[in-house]
Amino acid sequence: MARRYDCSDATDRVTGLREATSAIKRGELVVLPTDTVYGIGADAFDKEAVGDLLEAKGRGRNMPSPVLVGSPNTLHGIVTDFSEQAWELVDAFWPGALTLVTKHQPSLNWDLGDARGTVAVRMPLHPVAIELLTATGPMAVSSANLSGHPSPQDCDAAQEMLGDSVAVYLDGGPTPAATPSSIVDVTGKVPVLLRAGAISAEELRKVVPDLEERR
């Protein structure tokens, strides 16, 4: 039976974060608020839990799960060949609605789907999400919807779709916007905008003027 906690209540928030952290460490799934939409998350290093996440969404391995982190410092342990421009984007837009596609450390024991040696990583601008990520470490997190359905902006919508496939729901109220994060590929010499989202190409070019857009 799924448990749900109201994070606007101080006591419920403390209990909810504790229960969510325990659930992640047990290999279970958690729904959490972010600064874009609600996400469904699992321990990024638990292959079975990540498989459960994809199954709960009805999503194939050809759409690997992004990873959320609680601090930019976490990048040192999970990415490689991270360019100066990539760090400039992190400095300018993290925490926030910018996802970076980068090469991950080849030694990492994780399986996020068919990611071909890359990972899409973001640090969300949401206190509940950051607190959970600080306690758990990197999490595989995807939008908390069934594949093909709208991404949820509140906990009710997420729970209606995902039900008891999730152990803990952290209700942080409605999310600020339904706009997804912008995605920039930093695996090559020149950053490439893969998806324009909450941060425009114009804003990104103030930091990396040579940003290209995928045609």
N, C-alpha and C. Protein backbone atom coordinates (compact mmCIF):
# COMPACT_ATOMS: atom_id res chain seq x y z
N MET A 1 0.85 -1.20 0.00
CA MET A 1 0.00 0.00 0.00
C MET A 1 0.89 1.24 0.00
N ALA A 2 0.65 2.12 -0.95
CA ALA A 2 1.45 3.34 -1.04
C ALA A 2 1.17 4.28 0.14
N ARG A 3 2.22 4.96 0.60
CA ARG A 3 2.06 5.97 1.65
C ARG A 3 2.29 7.34 1.05
N ARG A 4 1.54 8.32 1.54
CA ARG A 4 1.63 9.68 1.00
C ARG A 4 1.84 10.67 2.14
N TYR A 5 2.73 11.62 1.92
CA TYR A 5 3.07 12.60 2.97
C TYR A 5 2.94 14.02 2.44
N ASP A 6 2.31 14.87 3.25
CA ASP A 6 2.10 16.28 2.90
C ASP A 6 3.33 17.08 3.34
N CYS A 7 4.15 17.49 2.37
CA CYS A 7 5.41 18.16 2.71
C CYS A 7 5.23 19.63 3.10
N SER A 8 3.98 20.13 3.07
CA SER A 8 3.73 21.48 3.59
C SER A 8 3.59 21.45 5.10
N ASP A 9 3.41 20.26 5.66
CA ASP A 9 3.35 20.06 7.11
C ASP A 9 4.74 19.62 7.59
N ALA A 10 5.32 20.37 8.53
CA ALA A 10 6.71 20.14 8.94
C ALA A 10 6.94 18.72 9.44
N THR A 11 6.02 18.21 10.26
CA THR A 11 6.19 16.86 10.81
C THR A 11 6.06 15.81 9.71
N ASP A 12 5.04 15.99 8.86
CA ASP A 12 4.81 15.04 7.77
C ASP A 12 6.01 15.04 6.80
N ARG A 13 6.58 16.21 6.60
CA ARG A 13 7.72 16.32 5.68
C ARG A 13 8.92 15.53 6.20
N VAL A 14 9.23 15.70 7.49
CA VAL A 14 10.35 14.96 8.08
C VAL A 14 10.12 13.45 7.98
N THR A 15 8.90 13.03 8.33
CA THR A 15 8.57 11.60 8.28
C THR A 15 8.62 11.10 6.84
N GLY A 16 8.04 11.88 5.94
CA GLY A 16 7.99 11.49 4.53
C GLY A 16 9.37 11.34 3.91
N LEU A 17 10.25 12.30 4.21
CA LEU A 17 11.61 12.22 3.67
C LEU A 17 12.36 11.02 4.23
N ARG A 18 12.13 10.73 5.52
CA ARG A 18 12.77 9.56 6.14
C ARG A 18 12.26 8.27 5.48
N GLU A 19 10.94 8.19 5.31
CA GLU A 19 10.35 6.99 4.71
C GLU A 19 10.76 6.85 3.24
N ALA A 20 10.83 7.97 2.53
CA ALA A 20 11.22 7.93 1.12
C ALA A 20 12.67 7.48 0.97
N THR A 21 13.53 7.98 1.85
CA THR A 21 14.95 7.58 1.82
C THR A 21 15.08 6.08 2.08
N SER A 22 14.34 5.58 3.06
CA SER A 22 14.37 4.14 3.37
C SER A 22 13.84 3.33 2.19
N ALA A 23 12.77 3.82 1.56
CA ALA A 23 12.19 3.10 0.42
C ALA A 23 13.20 3.00 -0.73
N ILE A 24 13.88 4.10 -1.02
CA ILE A 24 14.89 4.10 -2.10
C ILE A 24 15.98 3.08 -1.78
N LYS A 25 16.42 3.06 -0.53
CA LYS A 25 17.50 2.13 -0.15
C LYS A 25 17.04 0.67 -0.17
N ARG A 26 15.72 0.46 -0.10
CA ARG A 26 15.17 -0.91 -0.20
C ARG A 26 14.92 -1.31 -1.65
N GLY A 27 15.17 -0.40 -2.57
CA GLY A 27 14.93 -0.70 -3.98
C GLY A 27 13.52 -0.43 -4.43
N GLU A 28 12.78 0.40 -3.67
CA GLU A 28 11.40 0.74 -4.04
C GLU A 28 11.36 2.08 -4.77
N LEU A 29 10.18 2.44 -5.25
CA LEU A 29 9.99 3.65 -6.03
C LEU A 29 9.35 4.75 -5.20
N VAL A 30 9.71 6.01 -5.51
CA VAL A 30 9.20 7.17 -4.78
C VAL A 30 8.77 8.23 -5.81
N VAL A 31 7.66 8.91 -5.53
CA VAL A 31 7.26 10.07 -6.33
C VAL A 31 7.62 11.33 -5.56
N LEU A 32 8.26 12.27 -6.25
CA LEU A 32 8.74 13.49 -5.60
C LEU A 32 8.44 14.71 -6.45
N PRO A 33 8.26 15.88 -5.80
CA PRO A 33 8.06 17.11 -6.56
C PRO A 33 9.40 17.65 -7.07
N THR A 34 9.37 18.29 -8.23
CA THR A 34 10.56 19.01 -8.70
C THR A 34 10.12 20.40 -9.14
N ASP A 35 11.04 21.17 -9.70
CA ASP A 35 10.71 22.53 -10.14
C ASP A 35 10.03 22.53 -11.50
N THR A 36 9.92 21.36 -12.15
CA THR A 36 9.23 21.30 -13.44
C THR A 36 7.93 20.51 -13.28
N VAL A 37 8.04 19.18 -13.21
CA VAL A 37 6.85 18.33 -12.98
C VAL A 37 7.19 17.32 -11.89
N TYR A 38 6.20 16.53 -11.47
CA TYR A 38 6.48 15.46 -10.50
C TYR A 38 7.28 14.36 -11.18
N GLY A 39 8.19 13.76 -10.39
CA GLY A 39 9.02 12.69 -10.92
C GLY A 39 8.82 11.40 -10.15
N ILE A 40 9.09 10.28 -10.83
CA ILE A 40 9.13 8.97 -10.18
C ILE A 40 10.59 8.56 -10.14
N GLY A 41 11.07 8.18 -8.93
CA GLY A 41 12.50 7.97 -8.77
C GLY A 41 12.86 6.64 -8.14
N ALA A 42 14.09 6.21 -8.43
CA ALA A 42 14.67 4.99 -7.86
C ALA A 42 16.16 5.24 -7.65
N ASP A 43 16.79 4.38 -6.87
CA ASP A 43 18.24 4.43 -6.70
C ASP A 43 18.89 4.21 -8.06
N ALA A 44 19.71 5.19 -8.51
CA ALA A 44 20.31 5.10 -9.84
C ALA A 44 21.22 3.89 -10.00
N PHE A 45 21.72 3.34 -8.88
CA PHE A 45 22.66 2.23 -8.94
C PHE A 45 22.00 0.87 -8.68
N ASP A 46 20.67 0.87 -8.56
CA ASP A 46 19.92 -0.37 -8.34
C ASP A 46 19.24 -0.75 -9.67
N LYS A 47 19.87 -1.69 -10.39
CA LYS A 47 19.38 -2.02 -11.74
C LYS A 47 17.93 -2.51 -11.73
N GLU A 48 17.60 -3.32 -10.72
CA GLU A 48 16.24 -3.86 -10.64
C GLU A 48 15.22 -2.75 -10.38
N ALA A 49 15.57 -1.81 -9.50
CA ALA A 49 14.67 -0.70 -9.20
C ALA A 49 14.46 0.19 -10.42
N VAL A 50 15.54 0.44 -11.18
CA VAL A 50 15.41 1.25 -12.39
C VAL A 50 14.53 0.52 -13.41
N GLY A 51 14.67 -0.80 -13.48
CA GLY A 51 13.79 -1.59 -14.35
C GLY A 51 12.34 -1.48 -13.93
N ASP A 52 12.10 -1.48 -12.61
CA ASP A 52 10.73 -1.32 -12.08
C ASP A 52 10.18 0.05 -12.44
N LEU A 53 11.05 1.07 -12.41
CA LEU A 53 10.63 2.43 -12.76
C LEU A 53 10.15 2.47 -14.21
N LEU A 54 10.95 1.92 -15.12
CA LEU A 54 10.57 1.92 -16.53
C LEU A 54 9.29 1.13 -16.74
N GLU A 55 9.15 0.02 -16.00
CA GLU A 55 7.94 -0.82 -16.13
C GLU A 55 6.71 -0.08 -15.59
N ALA A 56 6.86 0.64 -14.47
CA ALA A 56 5.73 1.38 -13.89
C ALA A 56 5.21 2.43 -14.86
N LYS A 57 6.10 3.01 -15.64
CA LYS A 57 5.71 4.03 -16.62
C LYS A 57 5.24 3.43 -17.95
N GLY A 58 5.53 2.12 -18.15
CA GLY A 58 5.25 1.52 -19.44
C GLY A 58 6.21 2.04 -20.49
N ARG A 59 7.47 2.20 -20.07
CA ARG A 59 8.49 2.81 -20.93
C ARG A 59 9.58 1.80 -21.24
N GLY A 60 10.07 1.80 -22.47
CA GLY A 60 11.09 0.84 -22.89
C GLY A 60 12.50 1.29 -22.54
N ARG A 61 13.45 0.37 -22.68
CA ARG A 61 14.86 0.67 -22.40
C ARG A 61 15.43 1.65 -23.42
N ASN A 62 14.74 1.80 -24.56
CA ASN A 62 15.22 2.74 -25.58
C ASN A 62 15.04 4.20 -25.14
N MET A 63 14.34 4.41 -24.02
CA MET A 63 14.18 5.76 -23.44
C MET A 63 14.75 5.73 -22.03
N PRO A 64 16.08 5.78 -21.90
CA PRO A 64 16.72 5.63 -20.57
C PRO A 64 16.32 6.74 -19.62
N SER A 65 16.40 6.42 -18.34
CA SER A 65 15.99 7.38 -17.31
C SER A 65 17.08 8.42 -17.07
N PRO A 66 16.70 9.69 -16.95
CA PRO A 66 17.65 10.71 -16.51
C PRO A 66 18.03 10.50 -15.04
N VAL A 67 19.05 11.20 -14.60
CA VAL A 67 19.51 11.12 -13.21
C VAL A 67 19.45 12.51 -12.58
N LEU A 68 18.90 12.57 -11.35
CA LEU A 68 18.90 13.83 -10.59
C LEU A 68 19.94 13.73 -9.48
N VAL A 69 20.62 14.85 -9.23
CA VAL A 69 21.62 14.92 -8.16
C VAL A 69 21.29 16.07 -7.21
N GLY A 70 21.79 15.97 -5.98
CA GLY A 70 21.50 16.98 -4.98
C GLY A 70 22.54 18.07 -4.88
N SER A 71 23.66 17.92 -5.64
CA SER A 71 24.74 18.90 -5.59
C SER A 71 25.57 18.79 -6.86
N PRO A 72 26.08 19.93 -7.39
CA PRO A 72 26.98 19.85 -8.54
C PRO A 72 28.23 19.01 -8.26
N ASN A 73 28.65 18.97 -7.00
CA ASN A 73 29.84 18.20 -6.64
C ASN A 73 29.71 16.72 -6.97
N THR A 74 28.46 16.23 -6.99
CA THR A 74 28.22 14.82 -7.30
C THR A 74 28.73 14.46 -8.70
N LEU A 75 28.77 15.45 -9.59
CA LEU A 75 29.21 15.20 -10.96
C LEU A 75 30.61 14.61 -11.02
N HIS A 76 31.48 15.02 -10.09
CA HIS A 76 32.87 14.55 -10.12
C HIS A 76 32.96 13.03 -10.07
N GLY A 77 31.98 12.40 -9.43
CA GLY A 77 32.02 10.95 -9.28
C GLY A 77 31.29 10.18 -10.36
N ILE A 78 30.51 10.87 -11.20
CA ILE A 78 29.69 10.12 -12.16
C ILE A 78 29.93 10.47 -13.63
N VAL A 79 30.59 11.60 -13.92
CA VAL A 79 30.79 11.98 -15.32
C VAL A 79 32.27 11.99 -15.68
N THR A 80 32.53 11.98 -16.99
CA THR A 80 33.90 12.06 -17.49
C THR A 80 33.91 12.96 -18.72
N ASP A 81 35.08 13.49 -19.06
CA ASP A 81 35.22 14.40 -20.22
C ASP A 81 34.22 15.55 -20.15
N PHE A 82 34.08 16.11 -18.96
CA PHE A 82 33.12 17.20 -18.75
C PHE A 82 33.84 18.51 -19.07
N SER A 83 33.40 19.19 -20.11
CA SER A 83 34.13 20.34 -20.64
C SER A 83 33.98 21.59 -19.76
N GLU A 84 34.83 22.58 -20.04
CA GLU A 84 34.74 23.86 -19.34
C GLU A 84 33.39 24.51 -19.60
N GLN A 85 32.89 24.39 -20.84
CA GLN A 85 31.58 24.95 -21.17
C GLN A 85 30.47 24.27 -20.37
N ALA A 86 30.60 22.98 -20.18
CA ALA A 86 29.59 22.25 -19.39
C ALA A 86 29.57 22.77 -17.96
N TRP A 87 30.76 22.98 -17.37
CA TRP A 87 30.82 23.53 -16.00
C TRP A 87 30.23 24.93 -15.95
N GLU A 88 30.44 25.72 -17.01
CA GLU A 88 29.87 27.08 -17.04
C GLU A 88 28.34 27.02 -17.05
N LEU A 89 27.78 26.05 -17.77
CA LEU A 89 26.33 25.87 -17.78
C LEU A 89 25.82 25.46 -16.40
N VAL A 90 26.55 24.57 -15.73
CA VAL A 90 26.19 24.16 -14.37
C VAL A 90 26.21 25.36 -13.43
N ASP A 91 27.28 26.15 -13.51
CA ASP A 91 27.40 27.33 -12.64
C ASP A 91 26.26 28.32 -12.86
N ALA A 92 25.83 28.45 -14.11
CA ALA A 92 24.80 29.45 -14.45
C ALA A 92 23.38 28.99 -14.15
N PHE A 93 23.11 27.70 -14.33
CA PHE A 93 21.70 27.26 -14.34
C PHE A 93 21.33 26.19 -13.32
N TRP A 94 22.30 25.71 -12.54
CA TRP A 94 21.98 24.73 -11.49
C TRP A 94 21.97 25.38 -10.13
N PRO A 95 21.06 25.00 -9.22
CA PRO A 95 19.94 24.11 -9.50
C PRO A 95 18.93 24.80 -10.41
N GLY A 96 18.29 24.02 -11.27
CA GLY A 96 17.33 24.61 -12.19
C GLY A 96 16.96 23.66 -13.31
N ALA A 97 16.25 24.22 -14.29
CA ALA A 97 15.61 23.40 -15.33
C ALA A 97 16.52 23.18 -16.54
N LEU A 98 17.76 22.74 -16.28
CA LEU A 98 18.69 22.41 -17.35
C LEU A 98 19.22 21.00 -17.15
N THR A 99 18.96 20.13 -18.14
CA THR A 99 19.48 18.77 -18.15
C THR A 99 20.67 18.71 -19.10
N LEU A 100 21.76 18.13 -18.64
CA LEU A 100 22.95 17.99 -19.47
C LEU A 100 23.18 16.52 -19.81
N VAL A 101 23.34 16.25 -21.11
CA VAL A 101 23.69 14.90 -21.55
C VAL A 101 25.20 14.84 -21.66
N THR A 102 25.81 13.94 -20.89
CA THR A 102 27.26 13.87 -20.80
C THR A 102 27.71 12.41 -20.76
N LYS A 103 29.00 12.17 -20.96
CA LYS A 103 29.53 10.81 -20.83
C LYS A 103 29.65 10.47 -19.34
N HIS A 104 29.25 9.25 -18.98
CA HIS A 104 29.39 8.86 -17.58
C HIS A 104 30.66 8.04 -17.39
N GLN A 105 31.10 7.96 -16.15
CA GLN A 105 32.29 7.18 -15.83
C GLN A 105 32.06 5.73 -16.26
N PRO A 106 32.96 5.16 -17.06
CA PRO A 106 32.75 3.79 -17.54
C PRO A 106 32.74 2.75 -16.42
N SER A 107 33.29 3.10 -15.27
CA SER A 107 33.36 2.15 -14.16
C SER A 107 32.06 2.07 -13.36
N LEU A 108 31.12 2.95 -13.64
CA LEU A 108 29.89 2.98 -12.84
C LEU A 108 29.05 1.72 -13.05
N ASN A 109 28.59 1.17 -11.95
CA ASN A 109 27.79 -0.05 -12.00
C ASN A 109 26.31 0.33 -11.99
N TRP A 110 25.85 0.86 -13.13
CA TRP A 110 24.42 1.17 -13.22
C TRP A 110 23.90 0.79 -14.60
N ASP A 111 22.59 0.73 -14.73
CA ASP A 111 21.94 0.40 -16.00
C ASP A 111 20.65 1.20 -16.06
N LEU A 112 20.73 2.33 -16.75
CA LEU A 112 19.60 3.26 -16.82
C LEU A 112 18.72 3.03 -18.05
N GLY A 113 19.12 2.04 -18.87
CA GLY A 113 18.48 1.82 -20.16
C GLY A 113 19.56 1.87 -21.23
N ASP A 114 19.13 1.93 -22.48
CA ASP A 114 20.10 1.93 -23.59
C ASP A 114 20.66 3.34 -23.79
N ALA A 115 21.60 3.72 -22.91
CA ALA A 115 22.11 5.10 -22.89
C ALA A 115 23.43 5.26 -23.64
N ARG A 116 24.01 4.17 -24.11
CA ARG A 116 25.23 4.20 -24.93
C ARG A 116 26.35 5.03 -24.29
N GLY A 117 26.57 4.81 -23.00
CA GLY A 117 27.69 5.45 -22.33
C GLY A 117 27.46 6.89 -21.90
N THR A 118 26.22 7.37 -22.06
CA THR A 118 25.91 8.74 -21.65
C THR A 118 24.87 8.74 -20.54
N VAL A 119 24.73 9.89 -19.88
CA VAL A 119 23.69 10.07 -18.87
C VAL A 119 23.14 11.48 -18.99
N ALA A 120 21.83 11.61 -18.82
CA ALA A 120 21.18 12.92 -18.78
C ALA A 120 21.03 13.29 -17.31
N VAL A 121 21.69 14.36 -16.88
CA VAL A 121 21.77 14.67 -15.44
C VAL A 121 21.31 16.09 -15.15
N ARG A 122 20.66 16.26 -13.99
CA ARG A 122 20.12 17.58 -13.62
C ARG A 122 20.09 17.72 -12.11
N MET A 123 20.23 18.96 -11.63
CA MET A 123 20.00 19.26 -10.22
C MET A 123 18.75 20.14 -10.14
N PRO A 124 17.65 19.63 -9.57
CA PRO A 124 16.39 20.38 -9.56
C PRO A 124 16.39 21.50 -8.52
N LEU A 125 15.63 22.54 -8.82
CA LEU A 125 15.49 23.66 -7.89
C LEU A 125 14.22 23.46 -7.06
N HIS A 126 14.27 22.49 -6.15
CA HIS A 126 13.12 22.22 -5.28
C HIS A 126 13.65 21.69 -3.95
N PRO A 127 13.29 22.32 -2.83
CA PRO A 127 13.88 21.94 -1.54
C PRO A 127 13.61 20.50 -1.14
N VAL A 128 12.42 19.98 -1.41
CA VAL A 128 12.10 18.60 -1.04
C VAL A 128 12.96 17.63 -1.86
N ALA A 129 13.05 17.90 -3.16
CA ALA A 129 13.85 17.03 -4.03
C ALA A 129 15.32 17.05 -3.61
N ILE A 130 15.86 18.24 -3.34
CA ILE A 130 17.27 18.35 -2.97
C ILE A 130 17.54 17.64 -1.65
N GLU A 131 16.62 17.79 -0.70
CA GLU A 131 16.80 17.13 0.60
C GLU A 131 16.81 15.61 0.45
N LEU A 132 15.90 15.10 -0.39
CA LEU A 132 15.86 13.66 -0.62
C LEU A 132 17.13 13.18 -1.32
N LEU A 133 17.56 13.90 -2.35
CA LEU A 133 18.75 13.51 -3.12
C LEU A 133 20.02 13.59 -2.27
N THR A 134 20.05 14.52 -1.34
CA THR A 134 21.20 14.63 -0.44
C THR A 134 21.29 13.40 0.45
N ALA A 135 20.13 12.87 0.81
CA ALA A 135 20.10 11.68 1.68
C ALA A 135 20.35 10.38 0.91
N THR A 136 19.89 10.32 -0.34
CA THR A 136 19.94 9.05 -1.09
C THR A 136 21.14 8.95 -2.03
N GLY A 137 21.67 10.09 -2.48
CA GLY A 137 22.63 10.07 -3.58
C GLY A 137 21.88 10.11 -4.90
N PRO A 138 22.58 9.98 -6.02
CA PRO A 138 21.95 10.11 -7.33
C PRO A 138 20.75 9.17 -7.51
N MET A 139 19.68 9.73 -8.07
CA MET A 139 18.48 8.93 -8.33
C MET A 139 18.13 8.96 -9.81
N ALA A 140 17.71 7.82 -10.33
CA ALA A 140 17.09 7.78 -11.65
C ALA A 140 15.69 8.34 -11.49
N VAL A 141 15.40 9.42 -12.20
CA VAL A 141 14.09 10.08 -12.05
C VAL A 141 13.53 10.43 -13.43
N SER A 142 12.30 10.01 -13.66
CA SER A 142 11.59 10.34 -14.89
C SER A 142 10.25 10.96 -14.51
N SER A 143 9.59 11.62 -15.44
CA SER A 143 8.30 12.24 -15.10
C SER A 143 7.33 11.16 -14.62
N ALA A 144 6.53 11.51 -13.60
CA ALA A 144 5.70 10.53 -12.89
C ALA A 144 4.37 10.30 -13.61
N ASN A 145 4.47 9.86 -14.86
CA ASN A 145 3.28 9.60 -15.66
C ASN A 145 3.41 8.28 -16.39
N LEU A 146 2.29 7.74 -16.80
CA LEU A 146 2.33 6.60 -17.71
C LEU A 146 2.77 7.12 -19.07
N SER A 147 3.57 6.33 -19.76
CA SER A 147 4.09 6.75 -21.06
C SER A 147 2.94 7.13 -22.00
N GLY A 148 3.07 8.30 -22.61
CA GLY A 148 2.03 8.79 -23.52
C GLY A 148 0.99 9.68 -22.87
N HIS A 149 1.02 9.78 -21.53
CA HIS A 149 0.09 10.65 -20.81
C HIS A 149 0.80 11.94 -20.40
N PRO A 150 0.05 13.00 -20.08
CA PRO A 150 0.68 14.27 -19.68
C PRO A 150 1.49 14.12 -18.39
N SER A 151 2.58 14.86 -18.30
CA SER A 151 3.39 14.86 -17.08
C SER A 151 2.63 15.56 -15.97
N PRO A 152 2.59 14.97 -14.77
CA PRO A 152 1.74 15.51 -13.69
C PRO A 152 2.34 16.74 -13.01
N GLN A 153 1.48 17.71 -12.73
CA GLN A 153 1.89 18.90 -11.99
C GLN A 153 1.50 18.85 -10.53
N ASP A 154 0.79 17.78 -10.14
CA ASP A 154 0.47 17.63 -8.72
C ASP A 154 0.50 16.15 -8.36
N CYS A 155 0.52 15.91 -7.06
CA CYS A 155 0.68 14.54 -6.56
C CYS A 155 -0.54 13.68 -6.88
N ASP A 156 -1.73 14.27 -6.88
CA ASP A 156 -2.96 13.52 -7.19
C ASP A 156 -2.86 12.87 -8.56
N ALA A 157 -2.44 13.67 -9.55
CA ALA A 157 -2.36 13.17 -10.92
C ALA A 157 -1.35 12.03 -11.03
N ALA A 158 -0.22 12.17 -10.32
CA ALA A 158 0.80 11.12 -10.34
C ALA A 158 0.27 9.84 -9.70
N GLN A 159 -0.40 9.98 -8.56
CA GLN A 159 -0.88 8.79 -7.84
C GLN A 159 -2.00 8.10 -8.61
N GLU A 160 -2.82 8.88 -9.30
CA GLU A 160 -3.90 8.32 -10.09
C GLU A 160 -3.35 7.41 -11.19
N MET A 161 -2.21 7.81 -11.77
CA MET A 161 -1.63 7.02 -12.86
C MET A 161 -0.79 5.85 -12.36
N LEU A 162 -0.03 6.05 -11.27
CA LEU A 162 0.98 5.07 -10.87
C LEU A 162 0.55 4.18 -9.71
N GLY A 163 -0.42 4.65 -8.91
CA GLY A 163 -1.00 3.82 -7.86
C GLY A 163 0.01 3.18 -6.92
N ASP A 164 -0.17 1.87 -6.68
CA ASP A 164 0.66 1.16 -5.71
C ASP A 164 1.97 0.62 -6.28
N SER A 165 2.31 1.01 -7.52
CA SER A 165 3.64 0.65 -8.03
C SER A 165 4.70 1.50 -7.35
N VAL A 166 4.25 2.56 -6.66
CA VAL A 166 5.13 3.47 -5.92
C VAL A 166 4.92 3.26 -4.43
N ALA A 167 6.04 3.23 -3.66
CA ALA A 167 5.94 2.99 -2.22
C ALA A 167 5.58 4.25 -1.45
N VAL A 168 6.20 5.39 -1.83
CA VAL A 168 6.02 6.64 -1.09
C VAL A 168 5.77 7.80 -2.06
N TYR A 169 4.75 8.59 -1.76
CA TYR A 169 4.45 9.82 -2.50
C TYR A 169 4.75 11.02 -1.61
N LEU A 170 5.62 11.90 -2.09
CA LEU A 170 5.91 13.15 -1.38
C LEU A 170 5.12 14.27 -2.06
N ASP A 171 4.11 14.77 -1.35
CA ASP A 171 3.22 15.80 -1.91
C ASP A 171 3.77 17.18 -1.57
N GLY A 172 4.32 17.84 -2.57
CA GLY A 172 4.86 19.20 -2.37
C GLY A 172 3.96 20.27 -2.93
N GLY A 173 2.68 19.93 -3.18
CA GLY A 173 1.77 20.89 -3.78
C GLY A 173 2.00 20.98 -5.28
N PRO A 174 1.25 21.85 -5.97
CA PRO A 174 1.41 21.98 -7.43
C PRO A 174 2.82 22.46 -7.79
N THR A 175 3.36 21.93 -8.88
CA THR A 175 4.67 22.38 -9.33
C THR A 175 4.54 23.75 -10.00
N PRO A 176 5.62 24.53 -10.02
CA PRO A 176 5.53 25.90 -10.54
C PRO A 176 5.16 25.99 -12.01
N ALA A 177 5.59 25.00 -12.81
CA ALA A 177 5.32 25.08 -14.25
C ALA A 177 5.31 23.69 -14.85
N ALA A 178 4.56 23.54 -15.94
CA ALA A 178 4.52 22.25 -16.63
C ALA A 178 5.61 22.17 -17.69
N THR A 179 6.36 23.25 -17.86
CA THR A 179 7.40 23.27 -18.88
C THR A 179 8.55 22.35 -18.48
N PRO A 180 8.95 21.44 -19.35
CA PRO A 180 10.05 20.54 -19.00
C PRO A 180 11.39 21.27 -19.03
N SER A 181 12.41 20.60 -18.55
CA SER A 181 13.74 21.19 -18.57
C SER A 181 14.26 21.28 -20.01
N SER A 182 15.17 22.19 -20.24
CA SER A 182 15.90 22.23 -21.51
C SER A 182 17.00 21.18 -21.44
N ILE A 183 17.30 20.56 -22.58
CA ILE A 183 18.33 19.51 -22.62
C ILE A 183 19.45 19.93 -23.55
N VAL A 184 20.67 19.92 -23.04
CA VAL A 184 21.85 20.28 -23.83
C VAL A 184 22.83 19.11 -23.81
N ASP A 185 23.27 18.70 -24.99
CA ASP A 185 24.27 17.65 -25.14
C ASP A 185 25.66 18.27 -25.06
N VAL A 186 26.44 17.86 -24.05
CA VAL A 186 27.79 18.41 -23.89
C VAL A 186 28.85 17.32 -24.11
N THR A 187 28.50 16.28 -24.88
CA THR A 187 29.46 15.20 -25.13
C THR A 187 30.48 15.56 -26.20
N GLY A 188 30.16 16.55 -27.04
CA GLY A 188 31.08 16.94 -28.13
C GLY A 188 31.81 18.23 -27.82
N LYS A 189 32.53 18.75 -28.83
CA LYS A 189 33.30 19.98 -28.64
C LYS A 189 32.39 21.20 -28.52
N VAL A 190 31.23 21.13 -29.18
CA VAL A 190 30.28 22.24 -29.16
C VAL A 190 28.97 21.77 -28.51
N PRO A 191 28.43 22.51 -27.52
CA PRO A 191 27.16 22.12 -26.91
C PRO A 191 26.02 22.17 -27.93
N VAL A 192 25.11 21.20 -27.84
CA VAL A 192 23.99 21.12 -28.78
C VAL A 192 22.68 21.09 -27.99
N LEU A 193 21.77 22.01 -28.33
CA LEU A 193 20.45 22.05 -27.68
C LEU A 193 19.57 20.96 -28.29
N LEU A 194 19.24 19.94 -27.49
CA LEU A 194 18.41 18.84 -27.96
C LEU A 194 16.92 19.12 -27.77
N ARG A 195 16.58 19.85 -26.69
CA ARG A 195 15.18 20.19 -26.43
C ARG A 195 15.13 21.56 -25.77
N ALA A 196 14.41 22.48 -26.39
CA ALA A 196 14.19 23.79 -25.77
C ALA A 196 13.06 23.63 -24.76
N GLY A 197 13.31 24.04 -23.52
CA GLY A 197 12.30 23.92 -22.48
C GLY A 197 12.21 25.20 -21.68
N ALA A 198 12.38 25.07 -20.37
CA ALA A 198 12.21 26.22 -19.48
C ALA A 198 13.28 27.29 -19.68
N ILE A 199 14.45 26.90 -20.21
CA ILE A 199 15.52 27.86 -20.46
C ILE A 199 15.70 27.98 -21.96
N SER A 200 15.57 29.20 -22.48
CA SER A 200 15.60 29.42 -23.94
C SER A 200 17.01 29.31 -24.50
N ALA A 201 17.10 29.10 -25.81
CA ALA A 201 18.39 29.07 -26.49
C ALA A 201 19.11 30.41 -26.30
N GLU A 202 18.34 31.48 -26.29
CA GLU A 202 18.92 32.82 -26.12
C GLU A 202 19.61 32.95 -24.75
N GLU A 203 18.94 32.45 -23.70
CA GLU A 203 19.54 32.50 -22.36
C GLU A 203 20.79 31.63 -22.29
N LEU A 204 20.72 30.45 -22.90
CA LEU A 204 21.86 29.54 -22.88
C LEU A 204 23.06 30.14 -23.61
N ARG A 205 22.79 30.86 -24.70
CA ARG A 205 23.89 31.44 -25.49
C ARG A 205 24.60 32.58 -24.77
N LYS A 206 23.97 33.13 -23.77
CA LYS A 206 24.66 34.15 -22.96
C LYS A 206 25.83 33.52 -22.21
N VAL A 207 25.74 32.20 -21.97
CA VAL A 207 26.79 31.47 -21.26
C VAL A 207 27.70 30.72 -22.23
N VAL A 208 27.08 30.07 -23.24
CA VAL A 208 27.85 29.34 -24.27
C VAL A 208 27.42 29.87 -25.64
N PRO A 209 28.09 30.91 -26.12
CA PRO A 209 27.68 31.58 -27.37
C PRO A 209 27.66 30.67 -28.60
N ASP A 210 28.47 29.61 -28.61
CA ASP A 210 28.54 28.75 -29.80
C ASP A 210 27.54 27.58 -29.75
N LEU A 211 26.56 27.65 -28.86
CA LEU A 211 25.52 26.60 -28.76
C LEU A 211 24.87 26.38 -30.12
N GLU A 212 24.79 25.11 -30.50
CA GLU A 212 24.09 24.75 -31.72
C GLU A 212 22.74 24.16 -31.37
N GLU A 213 21.81 24.20 -32.33
CA GLU A 213 20.50 23.60 -32.13
C GLU A 213 20.35 22.40 -33.05
N ARG A 214 19.81 21.29 -32.51
CA ARG A 214 19.62 20.10 -33.33
C ARG A 214 18.58 20.37 -34.41
N ARG A 215 18.92 20.06 -35.62
CA ARG A 215 18.01 20.31 -36.74
C ARG A 215 16.99 19.20 -36.85
